[in-house]
Amino acid sequence: MRKHALISIDGTSGAVLSFRRYAAASLGEKLVAFLAALNAGEIGGIYAQLVELAAMLGVVLLGASGLASFLGKRIRLVPFQRWRESRT
């Protein structure tokens, strides 16, 4: 069984500011520790990293498709508006 602890260390002096056993931590502190480990790739190994990569590429693709849709509509509407104004 591995024992875990939450340790806060002063960055300048290296002194231990606080030491708290993981079992005594609140749910929020445990959640933050879990998400930090997940983000660092310590949980799930290569499979979790591949899922994160797919999610990141999905966000990029969503942004690119939204921009392309916006620009496509904007470019196509200008000639149509000119044609409609010339007819009146």
Protein backbone atom coordinates (compact mmCIF):
# COMPACT_ATOMS: atom_id res chain seq x y z
CA MET A 1 0.00 0.00 0.00
CA ARG A 2 1.37 3.38 -1.00
CA LYS A 3 1.10 6.26 1.40
CA HIS A 4 0.40 9.70 0.00
CA ALA A 5 0.76 13.15 1.50
CA LEU A 6 0.16 16.74 0.47
CA ILE A 7 3.26 18.82 1.14
CA SER A 8 3.69 22.58 0.68
CA ILE A 9 7.31 23.71 0.38
CA ASP A 10 8.64 27.28 0.39
CA GLY A 11 10.27 27.93 -2.98
CA THR A 12 13.02 30.20 -1.70
CA SER A 13 14.16 28.54 1.51
CA GLY A 14 13.02 24.97 0.90
CA ALA A 15 11.31 24.81 4.28
CA VAL A 16 8.24 22.63 4.67
CA LEU A 17 5.24 24.93 5.14
CA SER A 18 2.61 22.26 5.67
CA PHE A 19 2.32 18.49 5.70
CA ARG A 20 -1.03 16.77 5.44
CA ARG A 21 -1.83 13.10 4.99
CA TYR A 22 -3.80 12.37 1.84
CA ALA A 23 -6.40 10.42 3.82
CA ALA A 24 -7.10 13.53 5.93
CA ALA A 25 -7.47 15.82 2.89
CA SER A 26 -10.82 17.26 1.87
CA LEU A 27 -12.65 16.06 -1.23
CA GLY A 28 -11.64 19.23 -3.09
CA GLU A 29 -7.96 18.72 -2.31
CA LYS A 30 -8.17 15.10 -3.42
CA LEU A 31 -9.88 16.16 -6.66
CA VAL A 32 -7.20 18.78 -7.37
CA ALA A 33 -4.44 16.23 -6.70
CA PHE A 34 -6.15 13.70 -9.00
CA LEU A 35 -6.60 16.21 -11.84
CA ALA A 36 -3.01 17.42 -11.51
CA ALA A 37 -1.75 13.83 -11.76
CA LEU A 38 -4.06 13.17 -14.73
CA ASN A 39 -2.81 16.32 -16.47
CA ALA A 40 0.81 15.31 -15.90
CA GLY A 41 0.17 11.89 -17.44
CA GLU A 42 0.80 10.00 -14.21
CA ILE A 43 -2.62 8.32 -14.32
CA GLY A 44 -3.76 6.17 -17.23
CA GLY A 45 -0.42 6.11 -19.00
CA ILE A 46 -0.34 6.38 -22.76
CA TYR A 47 -4.08 5.70 -23.11
CA ALA A 48 -5.07 8.74 -21.04
CA GLN A 49 -2.58 10.86 -22.99
CA LEU A 50 -4.11 9.68 -26.28
CA VAL A 51 -7.60 10.58 -25.02
CA GLU A 52 -6.33 14.04 -24.02
CA LEU A 53 -4.70 14.44 -27.45
CA ALA A 54 -7.96 13.50 -29.19
CA ALA A 55 -9.88 15.99 -27.05
CA MET A 56 -7.36 18.75 -27.80
CA LEU A 57 -7.49 18.05 -31.53
CA GLY A 58 -11.29 18.08 -31.34
CA VAL A 59 -11.24 21.58 -29.83
CA VAL A 60 -8.89 22.80 -32.57
CA LEU A 61 -11.09 21.22 -35.25
CA LEU A 62 -14.21 22.77 -33.74
CA GLY A 63 -12.62 26.22 -33.78
CA ALA A 64 -11.34 25.81 -37.35
CA SER A 65 -14.73 24.63 -38.63
CA GLY A 66 -16.49 27.53 -36.90
CA LEU A 67 -14.06 30.03 -38.42
CA ALA A 68 -14.44 28.45 -41.87
CA SER A 69 -18.22 28.56 -41.58
CA PHE A 70 -18.15 32.21 -40.51
CA LEU A 71 -15.80 33.24 -43.29
CA GLY A 72 -17.71 31.19 -45.86
CA LYS A 73 -20.98 32.91 -45.02
CA ARG A 74 -19.37 36.34 -44.82
CA ILE A 75 -17.66 36.05 -48.21
CA ARG A 76 -20.72 34.64 -49.98
CA LEU A 77 -23.14 37.25 -48.62
CA VAL A 78 -21.28 40.29 -49.92
CA PRO A 79 -21.86 39.64 -53.67
CA PHE A 80 -25.46 38.63 -52.99
CA GLN A 81 -26.11 41.86 -51.08
CA ARG A 82 -24.63 43.93 -53.90
CA TRP A 83 -26.83 42.12 -56.43
CA ARG A 84 -29.93 42.65 -54.30
CA GLU A 85 -29.19 46.36 -53.83
CA SER A 86 -28.70 46.84 -57.56
CA ARG A 87 -32.13 45.35 -58.28
CA THR A 88 -34.01 47.91 -56.16
